[in-house]
C-alpha atoms as a PDB file:
ATOM      1  CA  MET A   1      -7.292 -66.380 101.883  1.00  0.00           C
ATOM      2  CA  HIS A   2      -9.254 -68.388 104.444  1.00  0.00           C
ATOM      3  CA  ASP A   3      -9.684 -72.033 103.428  1.00  0.00           C
ATOM      4  CA  PRO A   4     -12.013 -73.926 105.778  1.00  0.00           C
ATOM      5  CA  HIS A   5     -10.700 -77.271 104.494  1.00  0.00           C
ATOM      6  CA  ARG A   6      -7.136 -76.699 105.658  1.00  0.00           C
ATOM      7  CA  PRO A   7      -6.381 -77.830 109.206  1.00  0.00           C
ATOM      8  CA  VAL A   8      -5.514 -75.162 111.750  1.00  0.00           C
ATOM      9  CA  LEU A   9      -2.055 -75.254 113.307  1.00  0.00           C
ATOM     10  CA  ARG A  10      -1.898 -73.177 116.469  1.00  0.00           C
ATOM     11  CA  PHE A  11       1.462 -71.561 117.212  1.00  0.00           C
ATOM     12  CA  LEU A  12       1.554 -70.644 120.900  1.00  0.00           C
ATOM     13  CA  THR A  13       3.880 -67.767 121.599  1.00  0.00           C
ATOM     14  CA  ARG A  14       4.280 -64.530 123.532  1.00  0.00           C
ATOM     15  CA  VAL A  15       5.616 -61.047 122.869  1.00  0.00           C
ATOM     16  CA  ASP A  16       9.407 -60.608 123.067  1.00  0.00           C
ATOM     17  CA  CYS A  17      10.100 -64.338 123.195  1.00  0.00           C
ATOM     18  CA  GLY A  18      13.438 -65.069 121.517  1.00  0.00           C
ATOM     19  CA  LEU A  19      12.832 -68.804 121.382  1.00  0.00           C
ATOM     20  CA  CYS A  20       9.436 -68.130 119.804  1.00  0.00           C
ATOM     21  CA  ALA A  21      11.096 -66.097 117.045  1.00  0.00           C
ATOM     22  CA  GLN A  22      13.461 -69.010 116.411  1.00  0.00           C
ATOM     23  CA  GLY A  23      10.541 -71.450 116.319  1.00  0.00           C
ATOM     24  CA  ARG A  24       8.544 -69.155 114.020  1.00  0.00           C
ATOM     25  CA  ALA A  25      11.428 -69.054 111.523  1.00  0.00           C
ATOM     26  CA  ALA A  26      11.803 -72.849 111.592  1.00  0.00           C
ATOM     27  CA  LEU A  27       8.048 -73.277 111.168  1.00  0.00           C
ATOM     28  CA  GLN A  28       7.948 -70.861 108.235  1.00  0.00           C
ATOM     29  CA  GLU A  29      10.744 -72.760 106.501  1.00  0.00           C
ATOM     30  CA  ALA A  30       8.953 -76.097 107.030  1.00  0.00           C
ATOM     31  CA  LEU A  31       5.691 -74.670 105.665  1.00  0.00           C
ATOM     32  CA  GLU A  32       7.439 -73.242 102.601  1.00  0.00           C
ATOM     33  CA  GLU A  33       9.044 -76.638 101.928  1.00  0.00           C
ATOM     34  CA  ARG A  34       5.636 -78.337 102.145  1.00  0.00           C
ATOM     35  CA  ALA A  35       4.081 -75.784  99.790  1.00  0.00           C
ATOM     36  CA  ALA A  36       6.921 -76.147  97.259  1.00  0.00           C
ATOM     37  CA  ALA A  37       6.445 -79.925  97.302  1.00  0.00           C
ATOM     38  CA  GLY A  38       2.690 -79.584  96.741  1.00  0.00           C
ATOM     39  CA  ARG A  39       1.855 -81.006 100.156  1.00  0.00           C
ATOM     40  CA  LEU A  40      -0.920 -79.896 102.486  1.00  0.00           C
ATOM     41  CA  VAL A  41      -0.054 -76.684 104.322  1.00  0.00           C
ATOM     42  CA  PRO A  42      -2.116 -75.876 107.410  1.00  0.00           C
ATOM     43  CA  ARG A  43      -3.484 -72.469 108.278  1.00  0.00           C
ATOM     44  CA  VAL A  44      -1.379 -71.027 111.087  1.00  0.00           C
ATOM     45  CA  GLU A  45      -3.112 -69.302 113.962  1.00  0.00           C
ATOM     46  CA  GLU A  46      -0.670 -67.484 116.212  1.00  0.00           C
ATOM     47  CA  VAL A  47      -1.846 -67.348 119.830  1.00  0.00           C
ATOM     48  CA  ASP A  48      -0.327 -65.055 122.465  1.00  0.00           C
ATOM     49  CA  ILE A  49      -0.510 -67.078 125.671  1.00  0.00           C
ATOM     50  CA  ASP A  50      -0.422 -63.897 127.748  1.00  0.00           C
ATOM     51  CA  THR A  51      -4.066 -63.329 126.759  1.00  0.00           C
ATOM     52  CA  ASP A  52      -5.263 -66.541 128.422  1.00  0.00           C
ATOM     53  CA  ALA A  53      -4.351 -67.497 132.004  1.00  0.00           C
ATOM     54  CA  VAL A  54      -4.859 -71.225 131.378  1.00  0.00           C
ATOM     55  CA  LEU A  55      -2.647 -71.227 128.257  1.00  0.00           C
ATOM     56  CA  LEU A  56      -0.022 -69.181 130.104  1.00  0.00           C
ATOM     57  CA  ARG A  57       0.094 -71.546 133.072  1.00  0.00           C
ATOM     58  CA  ARG A  58       0.129 -74.669 130.874  1.00  0.00           C
ATOM     59  CA  ASN A  59       2.681 -73.517 128.281  1.00  0.00           C
ATOM     60  CA  LEU A  60       4.995 -70.856 129.723  1.00  0.00           C
ATOM     61  CA  GLU A  61       7.886 -73.243 130.326  1.00  0.00           C
ATOM     62  CA  ARG A  62       7.611 -75.017 126.962  1.00  0.00           C
ATOM     63  CA  LEU A  63       7.290 -72.229 124.402  1.00  0.00           C
ATOM     64  CA  PRO A  64       7.022 -72.182 121.491  1.00  0.00           C
ATOM     65  CA  VAL A  65       4.316 -74.829 121.196  1.00  0.00           C
ATOM     66  CA  LEU A  66       2.574 -76.199 118.114  1.00  0.00           C
ATOM     67  CA  GLU A  67      -0.916 -77.671 118.394  1.00  0.00           C
ATOM     68  CA  LEU A  68      -2.636 -79.535 115.587  1.00  0.00           C
ATOM     69  CA  GLY A  69      -5.932 -80.902 116.821  1.00  0.00           C
ATOM     70  CA  SER A  70      -5.138 -82.876 119.965  1.00  0.00           C
ATOM     71  CA  HIS A  71      -1.465 -83.283 119.014  1.00  0.00           C
ATOM     72  CA  VAL A  72       1.118 -81.060 120.686  1.00  0.00           C
ATOM     73  CA  LEU A  73       4.777 -80.309 119.981  1.00  0.00           C
ATOM     74  CA  PRO A  74       6.344 -78.416 122.906  1.00  0.00           C
ATOM     75  CA  LEU A  75       9.613 -76.527 122.462  1.00  0.00           C
ATOM     76  CA  ALA A  76       9.066 -76.357 118.688  1.00  0.00           C
ATOM     77  CA  LEU A  77      12.496 -74.981 117.816  1.00  0.00           C
ATOM     78  CA  SER A  78      14.057 -77.504 115.462  1.00  0.00           C
ATOM     79  CA  GLY A  79      13.095 -77.494 111.802  1.00  0.00           C
ATOM     80  CA  ARG A  80      13.605 -81.244 111.787  1.00  0.00           C
ATOM     81  CA  ALA A  81      11.213 -81.810 114.706  1.00  0.00           C
ATOM     82  CA  ILE A  82       8.645 -79.448 113.188  1.00  0.00           C
ATOM     83  CA  ARG A  83       8.814 -81.159 109.781  1.00  0.00           C
ATOM     84  CA  ARG A  84       8.425 -84.587 111.412  1.00  0.00           C
ATOM     85  CA  PHE A  85       5.460 -83.332 113.474  1.00  0.00           C
ATOM     86  CA  LEU A  86       3.738 -81.911 110.375  1.00  0.00           C
ATOM     87  CA  ASP A  87       4.534 -84.987 108.274  1.00  0.00           C
ATOM     88  CA  GLU A  88       3.166 -87.388 110.887  1.00  0.00           C
ATOM     89  CA  ARG A  89       0.021 -85.378 111.581  1.00  0.00           C
ATOM     90  CA  LEU A  90      -0.877 -84.064 108.114  1.00  0.00           C
ATOM     91  CA  ASP A  91       0.365 -86.739 105.730  1.00  0.00           C
ATOM     92  CA  ARG A  92      -0.770 -89.638 107.859  1.00  0.00           C
ATOM     93  CA  ALA A  93      -4.256 -88.097 108.022  1.00  0.00           C
ATOM     94  CA  LEU A  94      -4.399 -88.120 104.212  1.00  0.00           C
ATOM     95  CA  ALA A  95      -3.217 -91.727 103.836  1.00  0.00           C
END
């Protein structure tokens, strides 16, 4: 269900990207942990950078990338880094 009040987390990826699959799994785990704890869970918008020349040029060497507003986490592979990124951006915004 679309909830306009939840922030949008963009997950920049591309087809057949092994690192992106690893990052997607780590992101999913972090989101499930947040949901289980009753914390804010953003809406995830997956973006294929191959559909946009600017995104491709800017992000090809640092995939997967998470974007939340103006905040960016390149090489989003580690569950720990992803959790910290979400905690700092989402929980701090609520404080």
